Amino acid sequence: MADASHTPNIRSAAAQMQQADSIYRSLFAGAPLPLLVLTPDFRIVNANETYLTATGRGRAGLAGLDMFEAFPDSPHNPRAFFG
């Protein structure tokens, strides 16, 4: 039996998803580490500002690229990384 002090916290699935999405976006945007979001077939969907700043690349230039196109062949060659 529920009373005022034990009322279940019932929210719709849509409201829960909206809150989870908001939390994810906030954490992703504010992360101090460079982050990418990839599809299962390794296409870049999004990059946070930290990644864009660290690499000097634009979001539009990365979106849709295959991860292996976006990353350098040689991590010790800055020209390969920054294109």
Protein backbone atom coordinates (compact mmCIF):
# COMPACT_ATOMS: atom_id res chain seq x y z
CA MET A 1 0.00 0.00 0.00
CA ALA A 2 1.41 3.37 -1.02
CA ASP A 3 1.06 6.44 1.12
CA ALA A 4 2.39 9.98 0.77
CA SER A 5 5.81 9.03 2.17
CA HIS A 6 6.14 5.93 -0.05
CA THR A 7 4.73 7.14 -3.36
CA PRO A 8 6.50 5.35 -6.19
CA ASN A 9 8.45 7.56 -8.57
CA ILE A 10 6.71 6.69 -11.82
CA ARG A 11 7.82 8.50 -14.95
CA SER A 12 7.14 7.68 -18.53
CA ALA A 13 9.80 5.90 -20.57
CA ALA A 14 9.98 8.96 -22.82
CA ALA A 15 10.73 11.23 -19.85
CA GLN A 16 13.40 8.84 -18.61
CA MET A 17 15.02 8.71 -22.06
CA GLN A 18 14.92 12.50 -22.33
CA GLN A 19 16.64 12.86 -18.96
CA ALA A 20 19.27 10.23 -19.87
CA ASP A 21 19.94 11.98 -23.19
CA SER A 22 20.35 15.32 -21.43
CA ILE A 23 22.79 13.83 -18.92
CA TYR A 24 24.78 12.11 -21.71
CA ARG A 25 25.03 15.31 -23.77
CA SER A 26 26.15 17.32 -20.75
CA LEU A 27 28.83 14.79 -19.80
CA PHE A 28 30.02 14.41 -23.41
CA ALA A 29 30.25 18.16 -24.01
CA GLY A 30 31.97 18.88 -20.70
CA ALA A 31 34.44 16.00 -20.69
CA PRO A 32 38.06 17.11 -20.28
CA LEU A 33 39.18 14.23 -22.53
CA PRO A 34 38.84 14.13 -26.32
CA LEU A 35 35.90 11.87 -27.18
CA LEU A 36 34.39 10.49 -30.38
CA VAL A 37 31.07 8.73 -30.92
CA LEU A 38 31.31 5.93 -33.49
CA THR A 39 28.77 3.74 -35.24
CA PRO A 40 29.20 -0.05 -35.04
CA ASP A 41 30.98 0.10 -38.41
CA PHE A 42 33.43 2.76 -37.11
CA ARG A 43 31.95 5.87 -38.75
CA ILE A 44 32.36 9.07 -36.75
CA VAL A 45 29.03 10.46 -35.58
CA ASN A 46 30.19 13.18 -33.20
CA ALA A 47 33.23 14.66 -31.49
CA ASN A 48 33.33 16.77 -28.36
CA GLU A 49 34.91 20.23 -28.25
CA THR A 50 37.95 18.88 -26.41
CA TYR A 51 38.66 16.54 -29.33
CA LEU A 52 38.15 19.30 -31.90
CA THR A 53 40.44 21.68 -30.00
CA ALA A 54 43.14 19.04 -29.49
CA THR A 55 43.17 18.07 -33.15
CA GLY A 56 42.42 21.41 -34.76
CA ARG A 57 39.71 19.78 -36.83
CA GLY A 58 36.13 20.81 -37.46
CA ARG A 59 33.09 18.75 -36.59
CA ALA A 60 31.76 18.93 -40.15
CA GLY A 61 35.06 17.61 -41.50
CA LEU A 62 34.90 14.55 -39.24
CA ALA A 63 31.24 13.59 -39.34
CA GLY A 64 30.67 10.53 -41.47
CA LEU A 65 34.35 9.66 -41.88
CA ASP A 66 35.52 6.14 -41.26
CA MET A 67 37.64 6.07 -38.09
CA PHE A 68 40.60 4.75 -40.09
CA GLU A 69 40.34 7.70 -42.51
CA ALA A 70 40.32 10.17 -39.64
CA PHE A 71 43.25 8.75 -37.70
CA PRO A 72 46.85 8.95 -38.88
CA ASP A 73 48.89 6.11 -40.26
CA SER A 74 51.76 7.22 -38.02
CA PRO A 75 50.96 8.69 -34.59
CA HIS A 76 54.51 10.12 -34.47
CA ASN A 77 53.96 12.20 -37.60
CA PRO A 78 52.00 15.37 -36.68
CA ARG A 79 51.29 16.07 -40.36
CA ALA A 80 49.48 12.74 -40.66
CA PHE A 81 47.37 13.54 -37.60
CA PHE A 82 46.45 17.13 -38.37
CA GLY A 83 46.12 16.61 -42.13
